Amino acid sequence: MKMTFRWFGSKDDTVTLDQIRQIPGITGVVGMLTDIPAGEVWSEERIRELVVEVNSYGLELEVIESVNVHEDIKLGLSTRDKYIEN
């Protein structure tokens, strides 16, 4: 089992990566990109930036969570396919 800590990002979390790395046993974070609107593509560059930021504190980005799902997908609207492709 890997011990991780949920982290909302440097703009949205009052707990810093420096503080997280001081917690005994924690080796990584569960991260997210909350600044990207639902239905928008998460670019590889933006994900890479998050990985580099987390790694710079000696931690691993173990899991991505809270991927925003567009309302059109949730409601089964005909426009959902556009967002599913993203």
PDB file of N, CA and C in Angstrom:
ATOM      1  N   MET A   1       0.844  -1.170   0.000  1.00  0.00           N
ATOM      2  CA  MET A   1       0.000   0.000   0.000  1.00  0.00           C
ATOM      3  C   MET A   1       0.894   1.240   0.000  1.00  0.00           C
ATOM      4  N   LYS A   2       0.527   2.197  -0.812  1.00  0.00           N
ATOM      5  CA  LYS A   2       1.251   3.464  -0.846  1.00  0.00           C
ATOM      6  C   LYS A   2       0.464   4.490  -0.044  1.00  0.00           C
ATOM      7  N   MET A   3       1.174   5.198   0.801  1.00  0.00           N
ATOM      8  CA  MET A   3       0.534   6.230   1.612  1.00  0.00           C
ATOM      9  C   MET A   3       0.568   7.545   0.838  1.00  0.00           C
ATOM     10  N   THR A   4      -0.620   8.068   0.545  1.00  0.00           N
ATOM     11  CA  THR A   4      -0.733   9.309  -0.211  1.00  0.00           C
ATOM     12  C   THR A   4      -1.602  10.305   0.540  1.00  0.00           C
ATOM     13  N   PHE A   5      -1.585  11.535   0.036  1.00  0.00           N
ATOM     14  CA  PHE A   5      -2.344  12.618   0.654  1.00  0.00           C
ATOM     15  C   PHE A   5      -3.073  13.358  -0.460  1.00  0.00           C
ATOM     16  N   ARG A   6      -4.337  13.627  -0.277  1.00  0.00           N
ATOM     17  CA  ARG A   6      -5.111  14.351  -1.290  1.00  0.00           C
ATOM     18  C   ARG A   6      -4.670  15.810  -1.310  1.00  0.00           C
ATOM     19  N   TRP A   7      -4.370  16.305  -2.523  1.00  0.00           N
ATOM     20  CA  TRP A   7      -3.869  17.676  -2.669  1.00  0.00           C
ATOM     21  C   TRP A   7      -4.598  18.355  -3.816  1.00  0.00           C
ATOM     22  N   PHE A   8      -5.160  19.528  -3.558  1.00  0.00           N
ATOM     23  CA  PHE A   8      -5.968  20.251  -4.541  1.00  0.00           C
ATOM     24  C   PHE A   8      -5.159  21.198  -5.421  1.00  0.00           C
ATOM     25  N   GLY A   9      -3.861  21.252  -5.247  1.00  0.00           N
ATOM     26  CA  GLY A   9      -3.021  22.122  -6.064  1.00  0.00           C
ATOM     27  C   GLY A   9      -2.595  23.367  -5.315  1.00  0.00           C
ATOM     28  N   SER A  10      -1.519  23.971  -5.799  1.00  0.00           N
ATOM     29  CA  SER A  10      -0.930  25.108  -5.092  1.00  0.00           C
ATOM     30  C   SER A  10      -1.853  26.323  -5.027  1.00  0.00           C
ATOM     31  N   LYS A  11      -2.788  26.447  -5.960  1.00  0.00           N
ATOM     32  CA  LYS A  11      -3.701  27.596  -5.952  1.00  0.00           C
ATOM     33  C   LYS A  11      -4.939  27.358  -5.090  1.00  0.00           C
ATOM     34  N   ASP A  12      -5.314  26.094  -4.902  1.00  0.00           N
ATOM     35  CA  ASP A  12      -6.583  25.781  -4.244  1.00  0.00           C
ATOM     36  C   ASP A  12      -6.464  25.084  -2.893  1.00  0.00           C
ATOM     37  N   ASP A  13      -5.257  24.784  -2.448  1.00  0.00           N
ATOM     38  CA  ASP A  13      -5.092  24.045  -1.193  1.00  0.00           C
ATOM     39  C   ASP A  13      -4.244  24.855  -0.225  1.00  0.00           C
ATOM     40  N   THR A  14      -4.692  24.954   1.011  1.00  0.00           N
ATOM     41  CA  THR A  14      -3.915  25.686   2.015  1.00  0.00           C
ATOM     42  C   THR A  14      -2.747  24.855   2.536  1.00  0.00           C
ATOM     43  N   VAL A  15      -2.792  23.550   2.306  1.00  0.00           N
ATOM     44  CA  VAL A  15      -1.687  22.671   2.696  1.00  0.00           C
ATOM     45  C   VAL A  15      -0.705  22.617   1.527  1.00  0.00           C
ATOM     46  N   THR A  16       0.563  22.908   1.797  1.00  0.00           N
ATOM     47  CA  THR A  16       1.571  22.941   0.740  1.00  0.00           C
ATOM     48  C   THR A  16       2.227  21.572   0.565  1.00  0.00           C
ATOM     49  N   LEU A  17       2.866  21.391  -0.590  1.00  0.00           N
ATOM     50  CA  LEU A  17       3.610  20.149  -0.823  1.00  0.00           C
ATOM     51  C   LEU A  17       4.747  20.006   0.177  1.00  0.00           C
ATOM     52  N   ASP A  18       5.339  21.116   0.575  1.00  0.00           N
ATOM     53  CA  ASP A  18       6.407  21.063   1.573  1.00  0.00           C
ATOM     54  C   ASP A  18       5.880  20.523   2.901  1.00  0.00           C
ATOM     55  N   GLN A  19       4.671  20.900   3.264  1.00  0.00           N
ATOM     56  CA  GLN A  19       4.062  20.385   4.495  1.00  0.00           C
ATOM     57  C   GLN A  19       3.698  18.911   4.346  1.00  0.00           C
ATOM     58  N   ILE A  20       3.186  18.532   3.182  1.00  0.00           N
ATOM     59  CA  ILE A  20       2.789  17.142   2.950  1.00  0.00           C
ATOM     60  C   ILE A  20       3.994  16.218   3.041  1.00  0.00           C
ATOM     61  N   ARG A  21       5.121  16.625   2.475  1.00  0.00           N
ATOM     62  CA  ARG A  21       6.292  15.737   2.479  1.00  0.00           C
ATOM     63  C   ARG A  21       6.849  15.503   3.881  1.00  0.00           C
ATOM     64  N   GLN A  22       6.427  16.309   4.843  1.00  0.00           N
ATOM     65  CA  GLN A  22       6.889  16.140   6.218  1.00  0.00           C
ATOM     66  C   GLN A  22       6.021  15.160   7.019  1.00  0.00           C
ATOM     67  N   ILE A  23       4.920  14.724   6.444  1.00  0.00           N
ATOM     68  CA  ILE A  23       4.039  13.778   7.136  1.00  0.00           C
ATOM     69  C   ILE A  23       4.676  12.393   7.067  1.00  0.00           C
ATOM     70  N   PRO A  24       4.937  11.764   8.205  1.00  0.00           N
ATOM     71  CA  PRO A  24       5.588  10.450   8.204  1.00  0.00           C
ATOM     72  C   PRO A  24       4.826   9.422   7.363  1.00  0.00           C
ATOM     73  N   GLY A  25       5.550   8.730   6.500  1.00  0.00           N
ATOM     74  CA  GLY A  25       4.971   7.665   5.694  1.00  0.00           C
ATOM     75  C   GLY A  25       4.369   8.092   4.368  1.00  0.00           C
ATOM     76  N   ILE A  26       4.146   9.376   4.176  1.00  0.00           N
ATOM     77  CA  ILE A  26       3.542   9.856   2.925  1.00  0.00           C
ATOM     78  C   ILE A  26       4.619   9.909   1.844  1.00  0.00           C
ATOM     79  N   THR A  27       4.346   9.230   0.718  1.00  0.00           N
ATOM     80  CA  THR A  27       5.309   9.206  -0.392  1.00  0.00           C
ATOM     81  C   THR A  27       4.764   9.862  -1.652  1.00  0.00           C
ATOM     82  N   GLY A  28       3.485  10.193  -1.651  1.00  0.00           N
ATOM     83  CA  GLY A  28       2.915  10.777  -2.855  1.00  0.00           C
ATOM     84  C   GLY A  28       1.610  11.490  -2.589  1.00  0.00           C
ATOM     85  N   VAL A  29       1.076  12.076  -3.660  1.00  0.00           N
ATOM     86  CA  VAL A  29      -0.189  12.788  -3.545  1.00  0.00           C
ATOM     87  C   VAL A  29      -1.197  12.265  -4.559  1.00  0.00           C
ATOM     88  N   VAL A  30      -2.451  12.473  -4.216  1.00  0.00           N
ATOM     89  CA  VAL A  30      -3.573  12.267  -5.123  1.00  0.00           C
ATOM     90  C   VAL A  30      -3.912  13.669  -5.610  1.00  0.00           C
ATOM     91  N   GLY A  31      -3.681  13.924  -6.879  1.00  0.00           N
ATOM     92  CA  GLY A  31      -3.813  15.281  -7.389  1.00  0.00           C
ATOM     93  C   GLY A  31      -4.974  15.469  -8.337  1.00  0.00           C
ATOM     94  N   MET A  32      -5.169  16.717  -8.716  1.00  0.00           N
ATOM     95  CA  MET A  32      -6.242  17.065  -9.639  1.00  0.00           C
ATOM     96  C   MET A  32      -5.921  18.387 -10.318  1.00  0.00           C
ATOM     97  N   LEU A  33      -6.575  18.643 -11.415  1.00  0.00           N
ATOM     98  CA  LEU A  33      -6.422  19.905 -12.135  1.00  0.00           C
ATOM     99  C   LEU A  33      -7.764  20.627 -12.085  1.00  0.00           C
ATOM    100  N   THR A  34      -8.000  21.317 -10.992  1.00  0.00           N
ATOM    101  CA  THR A  34      -9.302  21.943 -10.767  1.00  0.00           C
ATOM    102  C   THR A  34      -9.518  23.183 -11.619  1.00  0.00           C
ATOM    103  N   ASP A  35      -8.455  23.698 -12.224  1.00  0.00           N
ATOM    104  CA  ASP A  35      -8.583  24.917 -13.019  1.00  0.00           C
ATOM    105  C   ASP A  35      -9.063  24.653 -14.446  1.00  0.00           C
ATOM    106  N   ILE A  36      -9.162  23.393 -14.844  1.00  0.00           N
ATOM    107  CA  ILE A  36      -9.611  23.060 -16.194  1.00  0.00           C
ATOM    108  C   ILE A  36     -11.113  22.775 -16.151  1.00  0.00           C
ATOM    109  N   PRO A  37     -11.901  23.535 -16.926  1.00  0.00           N
ATOM    110  CA  PRO A  37     -13.359  23.366 -16.899  1.00  0.00           C
ATOM    111  C   PRO A  37     -13.811  21.983 -17.371  1.00  0.00           C
ATOM    112  N   ALA A  38     -14.965  21.572 -16.912  1.00  0.00           N
ATOM    113  CA  ALA A  38     -15.551  20.291 -17.324  1.00  0.00           C
ATOM    114  C   ALA A  38     -15.694  20.255 -18.835  1.00  0.00           C
ATOM    115  N   GLY A  39     -15.283  19.138 -19.419  1.00  0.00           N
ATOM    116  CA  GLY A  39     -15.397  18.960 -20.857  1.00  0.00           C
ATOM    117  C   GLY A  39     -14.180  19.382 -21.647  1.00  0.00           C
ATOM    118  N   GLU A  40     -13.253  20.090 -21.005  1.00  0.00           N
ATOM    119  CA  GLU A  40     -12.031  20.517 -21.684  1.00  0.00           C
ATOM    120  C   GLU A  40     -10.974  19.422 -21.587  1.00  0.00           C
ATOM    121  N   VAL A  41     -10.115  19.363 -22.576  1.00  0.00           N
ATOM    122  CA  VAL A  41      -9.044  18.367 -22.613  1.00  0.00           C
ATOM    123  C   VAL A  41      -7.960  18.733 -21.605  1.00  0.00           C
ATOM    124  N   TRP A  42      -7.486  17.733 -20.873  1.00  0.00           N
ATOM    125  CA  TRP A  42      -6.324  17.916 -20.009  1.00  0.00           C
ATOM    126  C   TRP A  42      -5.105  17.658 -20.880  1.00  0.00           C
ATOM    127  N   SER A  43      -4.355  18.689 -21.201  1.00  0.00           N
ATOM    128  CA  SER A  43      -3.204  18.524 -22.088  1.00  0.00           C
ATOM    129  C   SER A  43      -2.089  17.755 -21.379  1.00  0.00           C
ATOM    130  N   GLU A  44      -1.309  17.038 -22.176  1.00  0.00           N
ATOM    131  CA  GLU A  44      -0.164  16.317 -21.606  1.00  0.00           C
ATOM    132  C   GLU A  44       0.795  17.288 -20.939  1.00  0.00           C
ATOM    133  N   GLU A  45       0.942  18.476 -21.521  1.00  0.00           N
ATOM    134  CA  GLU A  45       1.838  19.483 -20.948  1.00  0.00           C
ATOM    135  C   GLU A  45       1.382  19.893 -19.551  1.00  0.00           C
ATOM    136  N   ARG A  46       0.088  20.119 -19.379  1.00  0.00           N
ATOM    137  CA  ARG A  46      -0.439  20.538 -18.069  1.00  0.00           C
ATOM    138  C   ARG A  46      -0.287  19.426 -17.033  1.00  0.00           C
ATOM    139  N   ILE A  47      -0.508  18.184 -17.448  1.00  0.00           N
ATOM    140  CA  ILE A  47      -0.316  17.049 -16.542  1.00  0.00           C
ATOM    141  C   ILE A  47       1.158  16.933 -16.180  1.00  0.00           C
ATOM    142  N   ARG A  48       2.030  17.097 -17.169  1.00  0.00           N
ATOM    143  CA  ARG A  48       3.473  17.039 -16.927  1.00  0.00           C
ATOM    144  C   ARG A  48       3.905  18.112 -15.931  1.00  0.00           C
ATOM    145  N   GLU A  49       3.350  19.322 -16.064  1.00  0.00           N
ATOM    146  CA  GLU A  49       3.670  20.409 -15.128  1.00  0.00           C
ATOM    147  C   GLU A  49       3.306  20.014 -13.695  1.00  0.00           C
ATOM    148  N   LEU A  50       2.159  19.371 -13.538  1.00  0.00           N
ATOM    149  CA  LEU A  50       1.730  18.922 -12.211  1.00  0.00           C
ATOM    150  C   LEU A  50       2.687  17.869 -11.667  1.00  0.00           C
ATOM    151  N   VAL A  51       3.075  16.921 -12.514  1.00  0.00           N
ATOM    152  CA  VAL A  51       4.019  15.870 -12.103  1.00  0.00           C
ATOM    153  C   VAL A  51       5.342  16.496 -11.670  1.00  0.00           C
ATOM    154  N   VAL A  52       5.858  17.430 -12.460  1.00  0.00           N
ATOM    155  CA  VAL A  52       7.134  18.082 -12.141  1.00  0.00           C
ATOM    156  C   VAL A  52       7.029  18.842 -10.822  1.00  0.00           C
ATOM    157  N   GLU A  53       5.924  19.550 -10.624  1.00  0.00           N
ATOM    158  CA  GLU A  53       5.730  20.296  -9.376  1.00  0.00           C
ATOM    159  C   GLU A  53       5.748  19.363  -8.169  1.00  0.00           C
ATOM    160  N   VAL A  54       5.016  18.273  -8.252  1.00  0.00           N
ATOM    161  CA  VAL A  54       4.951  17.312  -7.143  1.00  0.00           C
ATOM    162  C   VAL A  54       6.310  16.652  -6.930  1.00  0.00           C
ATOM    163  N   ASN A  55       6.957  16.235  -8.015  1.00  0.00           N
ATOM    164  CA  ASN A  55       8.267  15.576  -7.923  1.00  0.00           C
ATOM    165  C   ASN A  55       9.331  16.489  -7.335  1.00  0.00           C
ATOM    166  N   SER A  56       9.209  17.792  -7.544  1.00  0.00           N
ATOM    167  CA  SER A  56      10.217  18.727  -7.040  1.00  0.00           C
ATOM    168  C   SER A  56      10.266  18.749  -5.512  1.00  0.00           C
ATOM    169  N   TYR A  57       9.248  18.189  -4.874  1.00  0.00           N
ATOM    170  CA  TYR A  57       9.217  18.092  -3.411  1.00  0.00           C
ATOM    171  C   TYR A  57       9.516  16.678  -2.929  1.00  0.00           C
ATOM    172  N   GLY A  58      10.003  15.836  -3.837  1.00  0.00           N
ATOM    173  CA  GLY A  58      10.354  14.472  -3.469  1.00  0.00           C
ATOM    174  C   GLY A  58       9.158  13.551  -3.326  1.00  0.00           C
ATOM    175  N   LEU A  59       8.033  13.950  -3.882  1.00  0.00           N
ATOM    176  CA  LEU A  59       6.808  13.159  -3.819  1.00  0.00           C
ATOM    177  C   LEU A  59       6.450  12.657  -5.214  1.00  0.00           C
ATOM    178  N   GLU A  60       5.579  11.663  -5.277  1.00  0.00           N
ATOM    179  CA  GLU A  60       5.089  11.134  -6.548  1.00  0.00           C
ATOM    180  C   GLU A  60       3.625  11.528  -6.727  1.00  0.00           C
ATOM    181  N   LEU A  61       3.239  11.801  -7.962  1.00  0.00           N
ATOM    182  CA  LEU A  61       1.831  11.988  -8.283  1.00  0.00           C
ATOM    183  C   LEU A  61       1.290  10.598  -8.575  1.00  0.00           C
ATOM    184  N   GLU A  62       0.642   9.993  -7.605  1.00  0.00           N
ATOM    185  CA  GLU A  62       0.224   8.594  -7.694  1.00  0.00           C
ATOM    186  C   GLU A  62      -1.092   8.404  -8.435  1.00  0.00           C
ATOM    187  N   VAL A  63      -2.011   9.321  -8.245  1.00  0.00           N
ATOM    188  CA  VAL A  63      -3.358   9.163  -8.799  1.00  0.00           C
ATOM    189  C   VAL A  63      -3.907  10.538  -9.167  1.00  0.00           C
ATOM    190  N   ILE A  64      -4.683  10.565 -10.251  1.00  0.00           N
ATOM    191  CA  ILE A  64      -5.453  11.762 -10.591  1.00  0.00           C
ATOM    192  C   ILE A  64      -6.901  11.460 -10.225  1.00  0.00           C
ATOM    193  N   GLU A  65      -7.541  12.410  -9.552  1.00  0.00           N
ATOM    194  CA  GLU A  65      -8.953  12.224  -9.219  1.00  0.00           C
ATOM    195  C   GLU A  65      -9.723  13.491  -9.548  1.00  0.00           C
ATOM    196  N   SER A  66     -11.000  13.413  -9.384  1.00  0.00           N
ATOM    197  CA  SER A  66     -11.889  14.553  -9.600  1.00  0.00           C
ATOM    198  C   SER A  66     -11.814  15.095 -11.020  1.00  0.00           C
ATOM    199  N   VAL A  67     -11.827  14.179 -11.990  1.00  0.00           N
ATOM    200  CA  VAL A  67     -11.910  14.609 -13.381  1.00  0.00           C
ATOM    201  C   VAL A  67     -13.333  15.121 -13.592  1.00  0.00           C
ATOM    202  N   ASN A  68     -13.445  16.383 -13.971  1.00  0.00           N
ATOM    203  CA  ASN A  68     -14.764  16.984 -14.155  1.00  0.00           C
ATOM    204  C   ASN A  68     -15.461  16.393 -15.374  1.00  0.00           C
ATOM    205  N   VAL A  69     -16.664  15.910 -15.182  1.00  0.00           N
ATOM    206  CA  VAL A  69     -17.462  15.343 -16.268  1.00  0.00           C
ATOM    207  C   VAL A  69     -18.495  16.389 -16.687  1.00  0.00           C
ATOM    208  N   HIS A  70     -18.529  16.681 -17.976  1.00  0.00           N
ATOM    209  CA  HIS A  70     -19.437  17.696 -18.500  1.00  0.00           C
ATOM    210  C   HIS A  70     -20.896  17.275 -18.288  1.00  0.00           C
ATOM    211  N   GLU A  71     -21.750  18.252 -18.047  1.00  0.00           N
ATOM    212  CA  GLU A  71     -23.176  17.991 -17.804  1.00  0.00           C
ATOM    213  C   GLU A  71     -23.848  17.286 -18.979  1.00  0.00           C
ATOM    214  N   ASP A  72     -23.391  17.555 -20.206  1.00  0.00           N
ATOM    215  CA  ASP A  72     -23.997  16.909 -21.377  1.00  0.00           C
ATOM    216  C   ASP A  72     -23.831  15.392 -21.321  1.00  0.00           C
ATOM    217  N   ILE A  73     -22.700  14.930 -20.778  1.00  0.00           N
ATOM    218  CA  ILE A  73     -22.476  13.487 -20.625  1.00  0.00           C
ATOM    219  C   ILE A  73     -23.406  12.940 -19.546  1.00  0.00           C
ATOM    220  N   LYS A  74     -23.467  13.631 -18.432  1.00  0.00           N
ATOM    221  CA  LYS A  74     -24.308  13.176 -17.318  1.00  0.00           C
ATOM    222  C   LYS A  74     -25.778  13.073 -17.716  1.00  0.00           C
ATOM    223  N   LEU A  75     -26.226  14.011 -18.553  1.00  0.00           N
ATOM    224  CA  LEU A  75     -27.634  14.059 -18.944  1.00  0.00           C
ATOM    225  C   LEU A  75     -27.939  13.241 -20.196  1.00  0.00           C
ATOM    226  N   GLY A  76     -26.889  12.703 -20.830  1.00  0.00           N
ATOM    227  CA  GLY A  76     -27.086  11.890 -22.023  1.00  0.00           C
ATOM    228  C   GLY A  76     -27.541  12.686 -23.234  1.00  0.00           C
ATOM    229  N   LEU A  77     -27.170  13.955 -23.293  1.00  0.00           N
ATOM    230  CA  LEU A  77     -27.579  14.796 -24.419  1.00  0.00           C
ATOM    231  C   LEU A  77     -26.854  14.394 -25.696  1.00  0.00           C
ATOM    232  N   SER A  78     -27.399  14.794 -26.818  1.00  0.00           N
ATOM    233  CA  SER A  78     -26.805  14.424 -28.109  1.00  0.00           C
ATOM    234  C   SER A  78     -25.415  15.027 -28.299  1.00  0.00           C
ATOM    235  N   THR A  79     -25.107  16.092 -27.598  1.00  0.00           N
ATOM    236  CA  THR A  79     -23.789  16.735 -27.699  1.00  0.00           C
ATOM    237  C   THR A  79     -22.738  16.044 -26.831  1.00  0.00           C
ATOM    238  N   ARG A  80     -23.123  15.001 -26.126  1.00  0.00           N
ATOM    239  CA  ARG A  80     -22.207  14.325 -25.196  1.00  0.00           C
ATOM    240  C   ARG A  80     -20.996  13.727 -25.898  1.00  0.00           C
ATOM    241  N   ASP A  81     -21.175  13.236 -27.130  1.00  0.00           N
ATOM    242  CA  ASP A  81     -20.080  12.553 -27.829  1.00  0.00           C
ATOM    243  C   ASP A  81     -18.856  13.447 -27.997  1.00  0.00           C
ATOM    244  N   LYS A  82     -19.094  14.732 -28.216  1.00  0.00           N
ATOM    245  CA  LYS A  82     -17.987  15.689 -28.345  1.00  0.00           C
ATOM    246  C   LYS A  82     -17.127  15.682 -27.076  1.00  0.00           C
ATOM    247  N   TYR A  83     -17.781  15.644 -25.930  1.00  0.00           N
ATOM    248  CA  TYR A  83     -17.064  15.677 -24.658  1.00  0.00           C
ATOM    249  C   TYR A  83     -16.460  14.322 -24.310  1.00  0.00           C
ATOM    250  N   ILE A  84     -17.103  13.259 -24.727  1.00  0.00           N
ATOM    251  CA  ILE A  84     -16.547  11.922 -24.500  1.00  0.00           C
ATOM    252  C   ILE A  84     -15.249  11.765 -25.277  1.00  0.00           C
ATOM    253  N   GLU A  85     -15.190  12.305 -26.488  1.00  0.00           N
ATOM    254  CA  GLU A  85     -13.970  12.243 -27.298  1.00  0.00           C
ATOM    255  C   GLU A  85     -12.808  12.951 -26.614  1.00  0.00           C
ATOM    256  N   ASN A  86     -13.119  14.019 -25.859  1.00  0.00           N
ATOM    257  CA  ASN A  86     -12.068  14.740 -25.140  1.00  0.00           C
ATOM    258  C   ASN A  86     -11.481  13.857 -24.067  1.00  0.00           C
TER     259      ASN A  86
END
